[in-house]
Protein backbone atom coordinates (compact mmCIF):
# COMPACT_ATOMS: atom_id res chain seq x y z
CA UNK A 1 0.00 0.00 0.00
CA UNK A 2 0.93 3.65 -0.48
CA UNK A 3 0.50 5.29 2.92
CA UNK A 4 0.41 8.87 4.23
CA UNK A 5 1.40 9.25 7.88
CA UNK A 6 0.24 12.22 9.99
CA UNK A 7 1.55 12.84 13.51
CA UNK A 8 3.47 15.36 15.57
CA UNK A 9 4.68 14.49 19.11
CA UNK A 10 6.91 11.76 20.51
CA UNK A 11 3.85 9.58 21.10
CA UNK A 12 3.49 9.14 17.33
CA UNK A 13 7.06 7.95 16.65
CA UNK A 14 6.67 4.17 17.28
CA UNK A 15 3.76 4.10 14.82
CA UNK A 16 5.84 5.81 12.13
CA UNK A 17 8.71 3.41 12.86
CA UNK A 18 6.29 0.49 12.47
CA UNK A 19 5.33 1.80 9.03
CA UNK A 20 8.99 2.27 8.06
CA UNK A 21 9.68 -1.35 9.03
CA UNK A 22 6.69 -2.63 7.04
CA UNK A 23 6.52 -3.68 3.40
CA UNK A 24 4.45 -0.62 2.54
CA UNK A 25 5.55 2.69 0.99
CA UNK A 26 5.28 5.95 2.92
CA UNK A 27 4.50 8.54 0.25
CA UNK A 28 4.39 11.53 2.65
CA UNK A 29 4.69 12.40 6.31
CA UNK A 30 2.44 15.20 7.53
CA UNK A 31 3.39 16.98 10.75
CA UNK A 32 2.69 20.38 12.30
CA UNK A 33 4.92 23.36 11.41
CA UNK A 34 8.12 23.94 13.40
CA UNK A 35 7.39 26.00 16.49
CA UNK A 36 9.22 27.62 19.46
CA UNK A 37 9.81 25.17 22.33
CA UNK A 38 11.76 24.91 25.57
CA UNK A 39 13.04 27.68 27.82
CA UNK A 40 14.94 29.38 25.03
CA UNK A 41 11.88 29.29 22.75
CA UNK A 42 14.03 28.17 19.85
CA UNK A 43 12.26 26.94 16.73
CA UNK A 44 12.17 23.15 16.87
CA UNK A 45 11.04 20.43 14.51
CA UNK A 46 8.49 17.95 15.83
CA UNK A 47 9.57 14.47 16.90
CA UNK A 48 7.87 13.09 13.78
CA UNK A 49 9.70 15.51 11.47
CA UNK A 50 13.02 14.48 13.01
CA UNK A 51 12.19 10.79 12.48
CA UNK A 52 11.10 11.48 8.90
CA UNK A 53 14.30 13.38 8.13
CA UNK A 54 16.42 10.55 9.52
CA UNK A 55 14.64 8.15 7.13
CA UNK A 56 14.63 10.43 4.06
CA UNK A 57 10.84 10.64 3.91
CA UNK A 58 8.91 13.39 2.12
CA UNK A 59 7.59 15.91 4.65
CA UNK A 60 4.52 18.16 4.46
CA UNK A 61 3.77 20.85 7.11
CA UNK A 62 0.57 22.73 6.26
CA UNK A 63 -0.88 25.12 8.83
CA UNK A 64 -4.30 23.60 8.24
CA UNK A 65 -6.48 22.03 5.54
CA UNK A 66 -8.68 25.02 4.81
CA UNK A 67 -7.33 25.77 1.32
CA UNK A 68 -8.18 23.83 -1.84
CA UNK A 69 -4.48 23.82 -2.77
CA UNK A 70 -3.50 22.00 0.44
CA UNK A 71 -6.24 19.40 -0.03
CA UNK A 72 -5.33 18.85 -3.68
CA UNK A 73 -1.66 18.44 -2.77
CA UNK A 74 -2.55 15.60 -0.40
CA UNK A 75 -4.83 13.97 -2.98
CA UNK A 76 -2.00 13.94 -5.54
CA UNK A 77 -0.14 11.40 -3.39
CA UNK A 78 -2.89 8.92 -4.40
CA UNK A 79 -2.57 7.11 -1.09
CA UNK A 80 -4.30 3.84 -0.30
CA UNK A 81 -4.38 4.68 3.41
CA UNK A 82 -3.70 7.54 5.82
CA UNK A 83 -2.53 6.79 9.37
CA UNK A 84 -3.13 9.57 11.93
CA UNK A 85 -1.56 9.61 15.40
CA UNK A 86 -1.78 12.72 17.62
CA UNK A 87 -1.45 14.97 14.56
CA UNK A 88 -3.24 17.92 16.16
CA UNK A 89 -5.05 19.29 13.08
CA UNK A 90 -8.70 18.85 12.11
CA UNK A 91 -9.11 16.85 8.90
CA UNK A 92 -12.09 17.82 6.70
CA UNK A 93 -14.26 15.19 5.02
CA UNK A 94 -12.40 15.60 1.72
CA UNK A 95 -9.19 14.44 3.39
CA UNK A 96 -10.87 11.62 5.31
CA UNK A 97 -12.32 10.27 2.07
CA UNK A 98 -9.25 10.82 -0.14
CA UNK A 99 -7.35 7.53 0.49
CA UNK A 100 -8.88 4.34 -0.92
CA UNK A 101 -9.18 2.75 2.55
CA UNK A 102 -9.79 6.06 4.31
CA UNK A 103 -8.01 7.36 7.41
CA UNK A 104 -7.30 5.35 10.55
CA UNK A 105 -6.39 6.77 13.94
CA UNK A 106 -4.45 5.38 16.90
CA UNK A 107 -6.19 6.61 20.06
CA UNK A 108 -4.80 6.20 23.59
CA UNK A 109 -7.87 4.79 25.33
CA UNK A 110 -10.37 1.96 25.13
CA UNK A 111 -13.03 3.80 23.18
CA UNK A 112 -15.73 4.91 23.66
CA UNK A 113 -14.23 5.74 27.07
CA UNK A 114 -12.13 8.90 27.06
CA UNK A 115 -12.69 10.45 23.68
CA UNK A 116 -10.79 13.70 23.35
CA UNK A 117 -7.48 15.41 24.04
CA UNK A 118 -6.21 13.97 27.35
CA UNK A 119 -7.28 10.31 27.60
CA UNK A 120 -4.16 9.15 29.48
CA UNK A 121 -4.44 11.71 32.27
CA UNK A 122 -8.23 11.37 32.62
CA UNK A 123 -7.95 7.61 33.00
CA UNK A 124 -5.51 8.02 35.90
CA UNK A 125 -7.62 10.75 37.54
CA UNK A 126 -10.67 8.49 37.38
CA UNK A 127 -8.73 5.65 39.06
CA UNK A 128 -9.33 3.39 36.04
CA UNK A 129 -7.66 0.01 36.41
CA UNK A 130 -6.88 -0.30 32.71
CA UNK A 131 -6.67 1.66 29.49
CA UNK A 132 -5.33 0.76 26.08
CA UNK A 133 -5.07 1.54 22.39
CA UNK A 134 -7.98 1.70 19.97
CA UNK A 135 -7.46 1.57 16.22
CA UNK A 136 -10.33 3.53 14.71
CA UNK A 137 -11.68 4.42 11.26
CA UNK A 138 -11.88 8.19 11.31
CA UNK A 139 -15.06 10.14 10.67
CA UNK A 140 -15.91 13.80 11.17
CA UNK A 141 -16.79 13.35 14.85
CA UNK A 142 -14.38 13.57 17.78
CA UNK A 143 -13.06 10.00 18.18
CA UNK A 144 -16.47 8.63 17.20
CA UNK A 145 -15.45 6.38 14.28
CA UNK A 146 -15.87 2.62 14.05
CA UNK A 147 -13.35 0.58 16.05
CA UNK A 148 -10.99 -1.71 14.14
CA UNK A 149 -9.01 -3.29 16.99
CA UNK A 150 -8.07 -2.76 20.65
CA UNK A 151 -5.15 -3.64 22.90
CA UNK A 152 -5.65 -3.49 26.68
CA UNK A 153 -3.05 -2.09 29.09
CA UNK A 154 -3.26 -2.23 32.92
CA UNK A 155 -2.72 0.98 34.89
CA UNK A 156 -0.46 0.18 37.84
CA UNK A 157 -0.31 2.08 41.12
CA UNK A 158 3.13 3.42 40.17
CA UNK A 159 2.12 4.66 36.71
CA UNK A 160 2.00 8.37 36.05
CA UNK A 161 1.00 10.08 32.83
CA UNK A 162 4.59 9.90 31.59
CA UNK A 163 5.10 6.16 32.08
CA UNK A 164 1.63 5.33 30.75
CA UNK A 165 2.25 7.56 27.71
CA UNK A 166 5.38 5.57 26.87
CA UNK A 167 3.63 2.20 27.27
CA UNK A 168 0.70 3.21 25.07
CA UNK A 169 2.98 4.79 22.48
CA UNK A 170 4.77 1.46 22.01
CA UNK A 171 1.45 -0.42 21.96
CA UNK A 172 0.25 1.93 19.23
CA UNK A 173 3.10 0.85 17.00
CA UNK A 174 2.36 -2.83 17.67
CA UNK A 175 -1.36 -2.34 17.05
CA UNK A 176 -0.64 -0.69 13.70
CA UNK A 177 1.73 -3.48 12.62
CA UNK A 178 -0.99 -6.01 13.40
CA UNK A 179 -3.70 -4.11 11.54
CA UNK A 180 -1.85 -3.30 8.29
CA UNK A 181 -2.13 -6.80 6.75
CA UNK A 182 -5.81 -6.92 7.72
CA UNK A 183 -6.40 -3.65 5.84
CA UNK A 184 -4.27 -4.72 2.85
CA UNK A 185 -6.24 -7.97 2.57
CA UNK A 186 -9.56 -6.13 2.98
CA UNK A 187 -10.50 -8.23 6.02
CA UNK A 188 -11.55 -5.41 8.35
CA UNK A 189 -14.55 -5.96 10.61
CA UNK A 190 -15.44 -2.49 11.98
CA UNK A 191 -17.40 -2.28 15.23
CA UNK A 192 -19.58 0.74 15.97
CA UNK A 193 -19.00 2.53 19.26
CA UNK A 194 -21.72 2.53 21.91
CA UNK A 195 -22.26 6.27 22.32
CA UNK A 196 -24.13 5.71 25.61
CA UNK A 197 -20.82 4.60 27.18
CA UNK A 198 -18.79 7.56 25.91
CA UNK A 199 -16.83 9.81 28.27
CA UNK A 200 -14.91 12.94 27.27
CA UNK A 201 -11.26 13.61 28.13
CA UNK A 202 -11.08 17.39 28.37
CA UNK A 203 -7.79 19.11 27.55
CA UNK A 204 -5.53 19.71 30.57
CA UNK A 205 -4.96 23.15 32.09
CA UNK A 206 -2.33 24.35 34.55
CA UNK A 207 -5.06 25.64 36.89
CA UNK A 208 -6.59 22.22 37.52
CA UNK A 209 -3.25 20.96 38.89
CA UNK A 210 -3.70 23.37 41.84
CA UNK A 211 -4.21 20.93 44.74
CA UNK A 212 -7.41 21.08 46.75
CA UNK A 213 -6.43 19.60 50.14
CA UNK A 214 -10.10 19.13 51.03
CA UNK A 215 -10.03 16.10 48.70
CA UNK A 216 -9.07 12.69 50.03
CA UNK A 217 -5.45 11.54 49.94
CA UNK A 218 -6.28 9.00 47.23
CA UNK A 219 -7.83 11.67 45.00
CA UNK A 220 -4.82 13.96 45.45
CA UNK A 221 -2.43 11.06 44.84
CA UNK A 222 -4.22 10.26 41.57
CA UNK A 223 -3.85 13.91 40.57
CA UNK A 224 -0.09 13.96 41.26
CA UNK A 225 0.28 10.90 39.00
CA UNK A 226 -2.01 12.25 36.28
CA UNK A 227 -0.30 15.65 36.14
CA UNK A 228 3.25 14.30 35.95
CA UNK A 229 5.21 15.30 33.87
CA UNK A 230 2.81 18.16 32.94
CA UNK A 231 1.40 20.41 34.29
CA UNK A 232 2.61 19.01 37.70
CA UNK A 233 0.47 19.28 40.84
CA UNK A 234 1.25 22.31 42.95
CA UNK A 235 0.30 24.12 46.14
CA UNK A 236 1.23 27.26 48.05
CA UNK A 237 3.45 27.28 51.15
CA UNK A 238 3.59 30.76 52.60
CA UNK A 239 4.30 32.98 49.60
CA UNK A 240 6.00 30.28 47.55
CA UNK A 241 4.71 27.76 45.05
CA UNK A 242 5.59 24.13 45.75
CA UNK A 243 5.27 21.57 42.98
CA UNK A 244 4.50 18.02 44.11
CA UNK A 245 6.26 15.59 41.78
CA UNK A 246 5.79 12.37 43.72
CA UNK A 247 3.71 11.25 46.67
CA UNK A 248 2.39 8.07 48.20
CA UNK A 249 -0.42 6.89 50.39
CA UNK A 250 0.03 7.23 54.13
CA UNK A 251 -1.48 4.57 56.40
CA UNK A 252 -1.74 6.69 59.54
CA UNK A 253 -4.84 8.91 59.81
CA UNK A 254 -4.17 12.58 60.59
CA UNK A 255 -6.72 14.85 62.15
CA UNK A 256 -6.32 18.51 61.41
CA UNK A 257 -7.02 21.26 58.92
CA UNK A 258 -6.52 19.93 55.39
CA UNK A 259 -3.12 21.06 54.10
CA UNK A 260 -1.46 21.04 57.54
CA UNK A 261 2.08 19.64 57.43
CA UNK A 262 3.27 17.04 59.93
CA UNK A 263 6.78 15.64 60.15
CA UNK A 264 6.99 12.09 61.51
CA UNK A 265 10.12 9.92 61.31
CA UNK A 266 11.54 12.34 58.71
CA UNK A 267 8.46 11.89 56.53
CA UNK A 268 6.72 14.88 54.95
CA UNK A 269 3.04 14.22 55.77
CA UNK A 270 0.05 16.38 54.86
CA UNK A 271 -3.50 16.29 56.21
CA UNK A 272 -6.14 15.77 53.53
CA UNK A 273 -9.91 15.64 53.52
CA UNK A 274 -11.84 13.01 55.51
CA UNK A 275 -8.94 12.61 57.97
CA UNK A 276 -6.69 11.04 55.35
CA UNK A 277 -2.98 11.58 54.93
CA UNK A 278 -0.57 11.96 52.02
CA UNK A 279 3.20 11.57 52.14
CA UNK A 280 5.10 13.86 49.78
CA UNK A 281 8.28 12.17 48.55
CA UNK A 282 9.54 14.54 45.84
CA UNK A 283 8.94 18.27 45.50
CA UNK A 284 10.20 21.45 43.90
CA UNK A 285 10.14 25.02 45.17
CA UNK A 286 9.78 27.87 42.68
CA UNK A 287 13.13 28.60 41.06
CA UNK A 288 14.76 25.49 42.55
CA UNK A 289 15.53 21.99 41.28
CA UNK A 290 13.46 18.93 42.07
CA UNK A 291 14.50 17.28 45.32
CA UNK A 292 13.51 14.46 47.62
CA UNK A 293 11.34 15.37 50.58
CA UNK A 294 14.16 14.20 52.88
CA UNK A 295 16.59 16.63 51.25
CA UNK A 296 14.07 19.43 51.69
CA UNK A 297 13.46 18.55 55.35
CA UNK A 298 17.20 18.56 56.06
CA UNK A 299 17.20 22.33 55.42
CA UNK A 300 13.63 23.35 56.30
CA UNK A 301 11.20 22.89 59.20
CA UNK A 302 7.69 23.23 57.76
CA UNK A 303 5.86 21.31 60.51
CA UNK A 304 2.60 23.03 61.45
CA UNK A 305 2.50 25.19 58.34
CA UNK A 306 -0.45 24.86 55.98
CA UNK A 307 -0.28 24.14 52.27
CA UNK A 308 -3.09 25.99 50.55
CA UNK A 309 -4.81 26.17 47.21
CA UNK A 310 -3.66 29.18 45.23
CA UNK A 311 -6.50 31.65 44.78
CA UNK A 312 -6.83 32.87 41.20
CA UNK A 313 -6.75 36.63 40.79
């Protein structure tokens, strides 16, 4: 088959590598335009562009698909199939219908659960026990197309959004490798999604990572895992922002105002809602490097102080 690949971030790379390793021909790689990134805001190519360059693949970087010229340029590739993985641009119906076998998408959830922009983080926040990869035939809806295959992936107690991202990224490549011969042999058996079971994974914001200590320790722990490595859970200690990178459940119940800090056996403990307790194990003060809670406690004595939710101005 002649295949167009469309993707942008690191998550998409294993899928592109699976295509490169296949017997099929990649006629073009579509990725978003180079943009400023990092502290220096230097213009950087996407992870997919870098992979495409390393493999001498033709690269296309349209801003969008609103012009007839852009749509016609894609059609001229005369692709049999288009594979889309975290591309980040809306594809109009003309594009979805251009390849002979249409467009397929690799989505990081077990659809119809967690349609939308942040399925990995929402699954962790909801305390889901498993997630996975869904291969889907794209339509004009938001992750509403017919399902072509699924691979399940357990969510462990030590997973955060970063580790789960990496697992699902690799599974996406494997799922694509398994599906390509099925498509080439025209043996697909699409399954319609049950819309009554659909949930929506809203895009993340920095504000929602602001810890509410009235929540239970388990809810806050889920948030610290879901928001790592971005946007990272945070709270206010005095006049300083403290980011909470890692935490763990604490067996001993603490009674006190939620957010109150206790130090017990060199452990950084915080009162949470419903008399529950969270142990902070890795943190970061504004302008400082990440450090273990023990390293922080060796130079600070925060016992009795209260971590609070930052009030938006």
